[in-house]
Amino acid sequence: MAEATPDLIGRVADAVARELLARQGPPAPKPAATPCAAPHGMAGAPNPAAKHALIEAGAQRLGHSTEDAAPPAQECRPYARYIDHTLLKPTATEDEVRTLCAQAREHQFASVCVNPSFVPLCAELLKGSGVKVCTVVGFPLGATTTAVKVFETREAVANGAEEIDMVVQIGRLKSGDYQYVCDDIRGVVLAAQGRLVKVILETTVLEEHEKVAGCTLSKAAGAHFVKTSTGFGGGGATAEDVALMRRVVGPALGVKASGGIRTCGDAEKMVAAGANRLGASASVAIVAGAEGKAGY
């Protein structure tokens, strides 16, 4: 990890204000990624300028109607390449995972996303298909220690995982313990040995300044994506959150929308807002232009 410096909180808070104020005028210069640094007087909340910027920026967020007609099926098929075909429910069976992989092969989804115990099976079934194997770490609470997340990541990679979706330590983020959050993410990034790492922020339980801080810390720690939700946190992705996350990370990182995406129209809204990956269990229905059932 990087040497300790005394001002990580101040720099993250300043980044919150800078990124959000940039919405109101020409884009601010892109800040250099900052290494993880030791805490100093962890206060928890961002500075008043950051809070004010978030409030002032609220009127500029994207909105959408839920009454849009479903597009024809042929217009929905291109979204397949965005989708992590997901099966994370605790009751998932081997037969269901085999079906998941067969569907992913047929529709050429970006990946399948499964719990760690199914990674070896998926790696075998999807070999040579072009469909990646994604798994979750610290799921769904993010509250395990960094050492446990690192172990999970190393084992997943050894078993054939090509992408890692890790849950941020939500309580530490809300407490303003940015040092811990940055080191936690960085530990997983290093353990992934170059594999794609997506950081799940669980946006439904975060204030806007916490979402921005989470995105900023993910960039600093070397992650490749930020992601909205686990799908188990009492809510899911919104176009507003996706747009906010995209504004914060810019083109440098990917943005994954997950949770509650059940139709082609949902997928269209998320991509329009800035997502370049979608987590969904209703993937087949989405590309068929139908409406899928809720549930991961």
Protein backbone atom coordinates (compact mmCIF):
# COMPACT_ATOMS: atom_id res chain seq x y z
CA MET A 1 0.00 0.00 0.00
CA ALA A 2 1.07 3.60 -0.48
CA GLU A 3 2.79 5.60 2.24
CA ALA A 4 0.52 7.37 4.69
CA THR A 5 -0.47 10.97 4.03
CA PRO A 6 -2.64 13.12 6.30
CA ASP A 7 -5.20 14.53 3.91
CA LEU A 8 -7.10 11.72 2.18
CA ILE A 9 -10.51 12.79 3.50
CA GLY A 10 -10.00 16.36 2.41
CA ARG A 11 -8.94 15.27 -1.08
CA VAL A 12 -11.90 12.94 -1.47
CA ALA A 13 -14.31 15.62 -0.23
CA ASP A 14 -12.79 18.11 -2.64
CA ALA A 15 -13.21 15.58 -5.43
CA VAL A 16 -16.89 15.24 -4.49
CA ALA A 17 -17.41 18.98 -4.83
CA ARG A 18 -15.29 19.30 -7.97
CA GLU A 19 -16.98 16.47 -9.85
CA LEU A 20 -20.47 17.72 -9.05
CA LEU A 21 -19.80 21.38 -9.65
CA ALA A 22 -18.39 20.42 -13.03
CA ARG A 23 -21.96 19.63 -14.12
CA GLN A 24 -22.79 23.32 -14.00
CA GLY A 25 -20.06 24.44 -16.41
CA PRO A 26 -17.18 23.21 -18.55
CA PRO A 27 -15.70 19.89 -17.35
CA ALA A 28 -13.10 20.23 -14.63
CA PRO A 29 -9.60 18.88 -15.37
CA LYS A 30 -9.45 15.16 -14.69
CA PRO A 31 -7.65 14.59 -11.38
CA ALA A 32 -4.83 12.09 -11.20
CA ALA A 33 -5.72 8.84 -9.47
CA THR A 34 -4.63 9.06 -5.85
CA PRO A 35 -3.08 6.06 -4.09
CA CYS A 36 -4.58 4.65 -0.93
CA ALA A 37 -3.37 6.61 2.08
CA ALA A 38 -3.61 6.38 5.85
CA PRO A 39 -6.48 8.13 7.65
CA HIS A 40 -6.08 11.31 9.61
CA GLY A 41 -8.89 12.48 11.88
CA MET A 42 -11.59 10.47 10.08
CA ALA A 43 -14.62 12.70 10.47
CA GLY A 44 -17.11 10.82 8.32
CA ALA A 45 -18.90 13.57 6.37
CA PRO A 46 -17.61 15.58 3.40
CA ASN A 47 -16.97 19.27 3.68
CA PRO A 48 -19.89 21.77 3.40
CA ALA A 49 -18.95 22.68 -0.17
CA ALA A 50 -19.41 19.08 -1.24
CA LYS A 51 -22.84 18.85 0.39
CA HIS A 52 -23.90 22.14 -1.16
CA ALA A 53 -22.76 20.97 -4.58
CA LEU A 54 -24.84 17.81 -4.27
CA ILE A 55 -27.97 19.76 -3.34
CA GLU A 56 -27.49 22.30 -6.10
CA ALA A 57 -26.91 19.56 -8.66
CA GLY A 58 -30.11 17.68 -7.84
CA ALA A 59 -32.28 19.41 -10.43
CA GLN A 60 -29.97 18.36 -13.25
CA ARG A 61 -30.33 14.61 -12.88
CA LEU A 62 -32.01 12.47 -15.51
CA GLY A 63 -35.59 11.31 -15.13
CA HIS A 64 -37.62 8.74 -17.03
CA SER A 65 -41.13 7.49 -17.56
CA THR A 66 -42.19 3.94 -16.73
CA GLU A 67 -44.92 4.04 -19.38
CA ASP A 68 -42.71 3.68 -22.46
CA ALA A 69 -43.83 0.97 -24.86
CA ALA A 70 -41.54 -2.07 -25.17
CA PRO A 71 -39.30 -1.93 -28.26
CA PRO A 72 -39.55 -4.70 -30.88
CA ALA A 73 -37.45 -7.78 -30.13
CA GLN A 74 -34.94 -7.04 -32.89
CA GLU A 75 -34.12 -3.74 -31.19
CA CYS A 76 -33.49 -5.50 -27.89
CA ARG A 77 -31.01 -8.13 -29.03
CA PRO A 78 -28.02 -5.74 -29.16
CA TYR A 79 -28.28 -5.34 -25.38
CA ALA A 80 -27.07 -8.94 -24.96
CA ARG A 81 -23.45 -7.79 -25.15
CA TYR A 82 -24.03 -5.51 -22.13
CA ILE A 83 -25.52 -8.17 -19.86
CA ASP A 84 -23.99 -10.14 -17.01
CA HIS A 85 -26.50 -13.02 -16.96
CA THR A 86 -26.98 -13.40 -13.22
CA LEU A 87 -28.02 -16.17 -10.83
CA LEU A 88 -27.09 -15.37 -7.24
CA LYS A 89 -30.09 -16.55 -5.24
CA PRO A 90 -29.11 -18.91 -2.39
CA THR A 91 -31.42 -21.67 -3.69
CA ALA A 92 -29.77 -21.86 -7.12
CA THR A 93 -29.23 -25.46 -8.20
CA GLU A 94 -26.65 -27.00 -10.49
CA ASP A 95 -29.32 -27.58 -13.13
CA GLU A 96 -30.26 -23.90 -13.03
CA VAL A 97 -26.61 -22.89 -13.40
CA ARG A 98 -26.26 -25.22 -16.39
CA THR A 99 -29.31 -23.58 -17.95
CA LEU A 100 -27.84 -20.15 -17.21
CA CYS A 101 -24.64 -21.05 -19.07
CA ALA A 102 -26.55 -22.53 -22.02
CA GLN A 103 -28.59 -19.32 -22.33
CA ALA A 104 -25.45 -17.22 -22.09
CA ARG A 105 -23.85 -19.23 -24.92
CA GLU A 106 -26.96 -18.92 -27.08
CA HIS A 107 -27.42 -15.18 -26.63
CA GLN A 108 -23.73 -14.29 -26.25
CA PHE A 109 -24.15 -12.37 -23.03
CA ALA A 110 -21.06 -10.58 -21.70
CA SER A 111 -20.75 -12.97 -18.76
CA VAL A 112 -22.54 -15.19 -16.32
CA CYS A 113 -22.44 -13.98 -12.72
CA VAL A 114 -22.72 -16.75 -10.12
CA ASN A 115 -21.83 -17.47 -6.53
CA PRO A 116 -18.23 -18.65 -6.01
CA SER A 117 -19.00 -22.35 -5.56
CA PHE A 118 -20.31 -22.53 -9.14
CA VAL A 119 -17.29 -20.88 -10.76
CA PRO A 120 -15.49 -24.15 -11.71
CA LEU A 121 -18.65 -25.53 -13.35
CA CYS A 122 -19.27 -22.32 -15.32
CA ALA A 123 -15.63 -22.13 -16.41
CA GLU A 124 -15.94 -25.66 -17.79
CA LEU A 125 -19.29 -25.09 -19.50
CA LEU A 126 -18.32 -21.76 -21.08
CA LYS A 127 -14.81 -22.63 -22.23
CA GLY A 128 -14.27 -21.28 -25.74
CA SER A 129 -17.66 -19.54 -25.84
CA GLY A 130 -16.46 -15.96 -25.45
CA VAL A 131 -18.74 -15.57 -22.42
CA LYS A 132 -16.85 -14.57 -19.27
CA VAL A 133 -17.28 -16.10 -15.83
CA CYS A 134 -17.99 -13.49 -13.14
CA THR A 135 -18.36 -14.12 -9.44
CA VAL A 136 -19.04 -12.11 -6.29
CA VAL A 137 -16.79 -11.33 -3.33
CA GLY A 138 -17.90 -10.13 0.11
CA PHE A 139 -21.43 -10.70 -1.10
CA PRO A 140 -24.01 -9.40 -0.36
CA LEU A 141 -23.13 -7.26 2.69
CA GLY A 142 -19.52 -6.25 2.02
CA ALA A 143 -18.86 -6.59 5.75
CA THR A 144 -16.25 -9.35 5.73
CA THR A 145 -12.65 -8.37 6.38
CA THR A 146 -10.28 -7.42 3.58
CA ALA A 147 -8.28 -10.60 4.21
CA VAL A 148 -11.39 -12.71 3.59
CA LYS A 149 -12.20 -10.79 0.41
CA VAL A 150 -8.64 -11.26 -0.80
CA PHE A 151 -8.85 -15.01 -0.13
CA GLU A 152 -12.18 -15.27 -1.92
CA THR A 153 -10.76 -13.41 -4.90
CA ARG A 154 -7.65 -15.58 -5.15
CA GLU A 155 -9.68 -18.78 -4.96
CA ALA A 156 -12.17 -17.49 -7.55
CA VAL A 157 -9.34 -16.66 -9.96
CA ALA A 158 -7.77 -20.09 -9.39
CA ASN A 159 -11.14 -21.69 -10.17
CA GLY A 160 -11.54 -19.82 -13.46
CA ALA A 161 -13.26 -16.52 -12.64
CA GLU A 162 -12.44 -13.77 -15.13
CA GLU A 163 -14.36 -10.94 -13.45
CA ILE A 164 -14.90 -10.08 -9.78
CA ASP A 165 -17.86 -8.10 -8.42
CA MET A 166 -16.91 -7.06 -4.88
CA VAL A 167 -19.15 -5.33 -2.35
CA VAL A 168 -17.67 -2.22 -0.79
CA GLN A 169 -17.52 -2.05 3.01
CA ILE A 170 -20.72 0.00 3.17
CA GLY A 171 -20.57 0.91 6.86
CA ARG A 172 -16.98 2.13 6.56
CA LEU A 173 -17.92 4.24 3.53
CA LYS A 174 -20.85 5.78 5.38
CA SER A 175 -18.56 6.43 8.37
CA GLY A 176 -16.13 8.33 6.16
CA ASP A 177 -13.33 5.82 6.74
CA TYR A 178 -11.95 6.36 3.26
CA GLN A 179 -8.59 4.81 4.10
CA TYR A 180 -10.22 1.49 4.93
CA VAL A 181 -12.48 1.54 1.87
CA CYS A 182 -9.62 2.35 -0.47
CA ASP A 183 -7.38 -0.37 0.98
CA ASP A 184 -10.26 -2.89 0.91
CA ILE A 185 -10.84 -2.31 -2.80
CA ARG A 186 -7.14 -2.22 -3.57
CA GLY A 187 -6.62 -5.56 -1.84
CA VAL A 188 -9.16 -7.22 -4.13
CA VAL A 189 -7.75 -5.50 -7.22
CA LEU A 190 -4.28 -6.86 -6.44
CA ALA A 191 -5.61 -10.34 -5.65
CA ALA A 192 -7.49 -10.40 -8.97
CA GLN A 193 -4.17 -10.27 -10.83
CA GLY A 194 -5.40 -8.14 -13.70
CA ARG A 195 -8.92 -9.56 -13.91
CA LEU A 196 -11.75 -7.07 -14.14
CA VAL A 197 -12.92 -5.80 -10.73
CA LYS A 198 -16.31 -4.12 -10.27
CA VAL A 199 -17.06 -2.33 -7.00
CA ILE A 200 -20.65 -2.65 -5.79
CA LEU A 201 -21.64 0.49 -3.89
CA GLU A 202 -25.24 -0.48 -2.93
CA THR A 203 -26.49 2.94 -3.97
CA THR A 204 -29.96 2.58 -2.43
CA VAL A 205 -28.50 2.91 1.08
CA LEU A 206 -26.06 5.75 0.31
CA GLU A 207 -26.41 9.52 0.34
CA GLU A 208 -25.27 11.24 -2.85
CA HIS A 209 -21.97 12.43 -1.37
CA GLU A 210 -21.29 8.82 -0.31
CA LYS A 211 -21.94 7.57 -3.84
CA VAL A 212 -19.50 10.12 -5.22
CA ALA A 213 -16.90 9.28 -2.58
CA GLY A 214 -17.31 5.56 -3.35
CA CYS A 215 -16.75 6.17 -7.05
CA THR A 216 -13.73 8.40 -6.36
CA LEU A 217 -12.17 5.81 -4.05
CA SER A 218 -12.80 3.02 -6.56
CA LYS A 219 -10.82 5.01 -9.14
CA ALA A 220 -8.02 5.66 -6.66
CA ALA A 221 -7.82 1.97 -5.73
CA GLY A 222 -7.47 0.79 -9.32
CA ALA A 223 -10.88 -0.81 -9.85
CA HIS A 224 -12.24 -1.14 -13.40
CA PHE A 225 -15.98 -0.61 -12.82
CA VAL A 226 -18.38 0.82 -10.29
CA LYS A 227 -21.69 -0.96 -9.87
CA THR A 228 -24.98 0.19 -8.40
CA SER A 229 -26.40 -2.71 -6.42
CA THR A 230 -26.26 -6.27 -5.18
CA GLY A 231 -29.93 -6.84 -5.93
CA PHE A 232 -30.35 -7.90 -2.30
CA GLY A 233 -30.28 -4.48 -0.66
CA GLY A 234 -33.92 -3.50 -0.90
CA GLY A 235 -33.68 -1.70 -4.23
CA GLY A 236 -31.83 -1.59 -7.50
CA ALA A 237 -30.39 0.56 -10.22
CA THR A 238 -31.84 3.90 -11.25
CA ALA A 239 -30.96 5.96 -14.30
CA GLU A 240 -30.23 8.86 -11.95
CA ASP A 241 -27.60 6.92 -10.03
CA VAL A 242 -26.05 5.56 -13.22
CA ALA A 243 -25.78 9.07 -14.64
CA LEU A 244 -24.19 10.35 -11.43
CA MET A 245 -21.67 7.51 -11.36
CA ARG A 246 -20.77 8.05 -15.00
CA ARG A 247 -20.20 11.75 -14.40
CA VAL A 248 -17.89 11.00 -11.50
CA VAL A 249 -15.77 8.26 -13.09
CA GLY A 250 -15.81 9.74 -16.60
CA PRO A 251 -14.61 7.46 -19.39
CA ALA A 252 -11.85 5.94 -17.24
CA LEU A 253 -14.07 3.30 -15.54
CA GLY A 254 -17.06 1.25 -16.52
CA VAL A 255 -20.47 1.62 -14.88
CA LYS A 256 -22.62 -1.43 -14.21
CA ALA A 257 -26.33 -1.04 -13.49
CA SER A 258 -27.83 -3.96 -11.60
CA GLY A 259 -30.98 -4.77 -9.68
CA GLY A 260 -34.51 -4.39 -11.00
CA ILE A 261 -33.64 -4.44 -14.71
CA ARG A 262 -36.37 -6.61 -16.22
CA THR A 263 -37.25 -5.21 -19.65
CA CYS A 264 -35.60 -3.97 -22.80
CA GLY A 265 -36.86 -0.50 -21.89
CA ASP A 266 -35.08 -0.73 -18.53
CA ALA A 267 -31.87 -1.72 -20.31
CA GLU A 268 -32.23 1.12 -22.80
CA LYS A 269 -32.63 3.71 -20.03
CA MET A 270 -29.57 2.45 -18.14
CA VAL A 271 -27.36 2.46 -21.21
CA ALA A 272 -28.59 5.91 -22.19
CA ALA A 273 -27.69 7.13 -18.69
CA GLY A 274 -24.13 5.86 -19.04
CA ALA A 275 -24.05 2.16 -18.15
CA ASN A 276 -21.84 -0.09 -20.24
CA ARG A 277 -22.68 -3.26 -18.34
CA LEU A 278 -26.00 -4.52 -16.98
CA GLY A 279 -26.58 -7.10 -14.27
CA ALA A 280 -29.83 -8.99 -14.77
CA SER A 281 -31.50 -12.31 -14.08
CA ALA A 282 -34.23 -11.54 -16.65
CA SER A 283 -31.66 -11.41 -19.44
CA VAL A 284 -33.46 -13.68 -21.90
CA ALA A 285 -36.70 -11.72 -21.51
CA ILE A 286 -34.81 -8.45 -21.99
CA VAL A 287 -33.30 -9.45 -25.33
CA ALA A 288 -36.65 -10.92 -26.41
CA GLY A 289 -38.44 -7.63 -25.76
CA ALA A 290 -40.55 -9.17 -23.00
CA GLU A 291 -40.74 -8.54 -19.25
CA GLY A 292 -38.89 -10.84 -16.92
CA LYS A 293 -39.48 -11.79 -13.32
CA ALA A 294 -37.75 -10.03 -10.46
CA GLY A 295 -35.08 -11.78 -8.47
CA TYR A 296 -31.39 -12.53 -8.67
